[in-house]
Amino acid sequence: MYSLRFTKKALKELSKMDSFVRKYIIGWLEENIEGCADPRAHGKGLSGVRSNEWRYRIGDWRALAIIKDDKVVVEVFKVGHRREVYE
């Protein structure tokens, strides 16, 4: 079972968001990623130079993460609106 972790940068981005959006994103991640057997089933792998990263689509918002199989951890490193998160 995978555990969910946030980097300091992701937590800072979440703190700047509206409280409803923040709760929506965190709730989705906790419900679908925390404790799941396969976090790849809920996301999509990125390509190119970001080939080791995964994205989770949460409405108009995206959470970018790295799946660390050796530690059984999904580390969310960036959260933002879909038009800004890939920059």
C-alpha atoms as a PDB file:
ATOM      1  CA  MET A   1       0.000   0.000   0.000  1.00  0.00           C
ATOM      2  CA  TYR A   2       1.360   3.361  -1.072  1.00  0.00           C
ATOM      3  CA  SER A   3       1.520   6.372   1.204  1.00  0.00           C
ATOM      4  CA  LEU A   4       1.096   9.977   0.076  1.00  0.00           C
ATOM      5  CA  ARG A   5       3.637  12.726   0.788  1.00  0.00           C
ATOM      6  CA  PHE A   6       3.818  16.383  -0.205  1.00  0.00           C
ATOM      7  CA  THR A   7       6.991  18.406  -0.754  1.00  0.00           C
ATOM      8  CA  LYS A   8       7.343  21.810   0.906  1.00  0.00           C
ATOM      9  CA  LYS A   9       6.768  23.460  -2.475  1.00  0.00           C
ATOM     10  CA  ALA A  10       3.507  21.551  -3.020  1.00  0.00           C
ATOM     11  CA  LEU A  11       2.282  22.461   0.464  1.00  0.00           C
ATOM     12  CA  LYS A  12       3.106  26.117  -0.198  1.00  0.00           C
ATOM     13  CA  GLU A  13       1.158  26.024  -3.481  1.00  0.00           C
ATOM     14  CA  LEU A  14      -1.796  24.399  -1.720  1.00  0.00           C
ATOM     15  CA  SER A  15      -1.751  27.031   1.040  1.00  0.00           C
ATOM     16  CA  LYS A  16      -2.171  29.801  -1.536  1.00  0.00           C
ATOM     17  CA  MET A  17      -5.321  28.201  -2.994  1.00  0.00           C
ATOM     18  CA  ASP A  18      -8.923  28.826  -2.073  1.00  0.00           C
ATOM     19  CA  SER A  19      -9.912  26.619   0.878  1.00  0.00           C
ATOM     20  CA  PHE A  20     -12.607  24.792  -1.131  1.00  0.00           C
ATOM     21  CA  VAL A  21     -10.159  23.921  -3.925  1.00  0.00           C
ATOM     22  CA  ARG A  22      -7.470  22.901  -1.426  1.00  0.00           C
ATOM     23  CA  LYS A  23      -9.865  20.543   0.389  1.00  0.00           C
ATOM     24  CA  TYR A  24     -11.096  19.165  -2.943  1.00  0.00           C
ATOM     25  CA  ILE A  25      -7.562  18.347  -4.144  1.00  0.00           C
ATOM     26  CA  ILE A  26      -6.324  16.906  -0.858  1.00  0.00           C
ATOM     27  CA  GLY A  27      -9.528  14.895  -0.421  1.00  0.00           C
ATOM     28  CA  TRP A  28      -9.226  13.399  -3.898  1.00  0.00           C
ATOM     29  CA  LEU A  29      -5.583  12.469  -3.374  1.00  0.00           C
ATOM     30  CA  GLU A  30      -6.249  10.929   0.041  1.00  0.00           C
ATOM     31  CA  GLU A  31      -9.241   8.971  -1.249  1.00  0.00           C
ATOM     32  CA  ASN A  32      -7.648   7.655  -4.440  1.00  0.00           C
ATOM     33  CA  ILE A  33      -3.883   7.511  -3.810  1.00  0.00           C
ATOM     34  CA  GLU A  34      -3.356   7.077  -0.050  1.00  0.00           C
ATOM     35  CA  GLY A  35      -3.341   3.363   0.724  1.00  0.00           C
ATOM     36  CA  CYS A  36      -3.914   2.174  -2.839  1.00  0.00           C
ATOM     37  CA  ALA A  37      -2.128  -0.838  -4.276  1.00  0.00           C
ATOM     38  CA  ASP A  38      -1.430   0.742  -7.697  1.00  0.00           C
ATOM     39  CA  PRO A  39      -1.190   4.563  -7.900  1.00  0.00           C
ATOM     40  CA  ARG A  40      -0.588   4.323 -11.656  1.00  0.00           C
ATOM     41  CA  ALA A  41      -4.208   3.267 -12.193  1.00  0.00           C
ATOM     42  CA  HIS A  42      -5.476   6.756 -11.279  1.00  0.00           C
ATOM     43  CA  GLY A  43      -2.901   8.844 -13.143  1.00  0.00           C
ATOM     44  CA  LYS A  44      -1.089   9.213 -16.413  1.00  0.00           C
ATOM     45  CA  GLY A  45       2.629   9.108 -17.056  1.00  0.00           C
ATOM     46  CA  LEU A  46       4.236  12.165 -18.597  1.00  0.00           C
ATOM     47  CA  SER A  47       6.609  11.939 -21.565  1.00  0.00           C
ATOM     48  CA  GLY A  48       9.868  13.468 -22.714  1.00  0.00           C
ATOM     49  CA  VAL A  49      12.182  14.871 -20.063  1.00  0.00           C
ATOM     50  CA  ARG A  50       9.406  14.316 -17.508  1.00  0.00           C
ATOM     51  CA  SER A  51       9.100  10.588 -18.221  1.00  0.00           C
ATOM     52  CA  ASN A  52       9.516   9.611 -14.546  1.00  0.00           C
ATOM     53  CA  GLU A  53       6.672  11.905 -13.428  1.00  0.00           C
ATOM     54  CA  TRP A  54       2.950  11.202 -13.135  1.00  0.00           C
ATOM     55  CA  ARG A  55      -0.006  13.543 -13.253  1.00  0.00           C
ATOM     56  CA  TYR A  56      -3.302  13.199 -11.477  1.00  0.00           C
ATOM     57  CA  ARG A  57      -6.274  15.013 -12.999  1.00  0.00           C
ATOM     58  CA  ILE A  58      -8.536  16.531 -10.361  1.00  0.00           C
ATOM     59  CA  GLY A  59     -11.129  18.562 -12.250  1.00  0.00           C
ATOM     60  CA  ASP A  60      -9.345  21.596 -13.720  1.00  0.00           C
ATOM     61  CA  TRP A  61      -6.453  21.043 -11.320  1.00  0.00           C
ATOM     62  CA  ARG A  62      -3.391  18.828 -11.656  1.00  0.00           C
ATOM     63  CA  ALA A  63      -1.105  17.208  -9.119  1.00  0.00           C
ATOM     64  CA  LEU A  64       2.323  16.195 -10.398  1.00  0.00           C
ATOM     65  CA  ALA A  65       4.018  13.383  -8.538  1.00  0.00           C
ATOM     66  CA  ILE A  66       6.884  10.926  -8.545  1.00  0.00           C
ATOM     67  CA  ILE A  67       6.098   7.326  -7.647  1.00  0.00           C
ATOM     68  CA  LYS A  68       8.876   5.796  -5.565  1.00  0.00           C
ATOM     69  CA  ASP A  69       8.331   2.036  -5.716  1.00  0.00           C
ATOM     70  CA  ASP A  70      11.319   1.203  -3.500  1.00  0.00           C
ATOM     71  CA  LYS A  71       9.856   3.256  -0.625  1.00  0.00           C
ATOM     72  CA  VAL A  72       6.190   2.643  -1.553  1.00  0.00           C
ATOM     73  CA  VAL A  73       5.561   6.405  -1.625  1.00  0.00           C
ATOM     74  CA  VAL A  74       3.798   8.799  -3.987  1.00  0.00           C
ATOM     75  CA  GLU A  75       5.476  12.201  -3.578  1.00  0.00           C
ATOM     76  CA  VAL A  76       3.438  15.154  -4.849  1.00  0.00           C
ATOM     77  CA  PHE A  77       5.839  17.938  -5.830  1.00  0.00           C
ATOM     78  CA  LYS A  78       3.602  20.400  -7.689  1.00  0.00           C
ATOM     79  CA  VAL A  79      -0.081  21.305  -7.599  1.00  0.00           C
ATOM     80  CA  GLY A  80      -1.826  23.883  -9.741  1.00  0.00           C
ATOM     81  CA  HIS A  81      -4.372  24.791 -12.394  1.00  0.00           C
ATOM     82  CA  ARG A  82      -4.011  22.829 -15.613  1.00  0.00           C
ATOM     83  CA  ARG A  83      -2.947  25.887 -17.621  1.00  0.00           C
ATOM     84  CA  GLU A  84      -0.052  26.678 -15.252  1.00  0.00           C
ATOM     85  CA  VAL A  85       1.183  23.457 -13.700  1.00  0.00           C
ATOM     86  CA  TYR A  86       3.379  22.243 -16.586  1.00  0.00           C
ATOM     87  CA  GLU A  87       5.440  25.447 -16.834  1.00  0.00           C
END
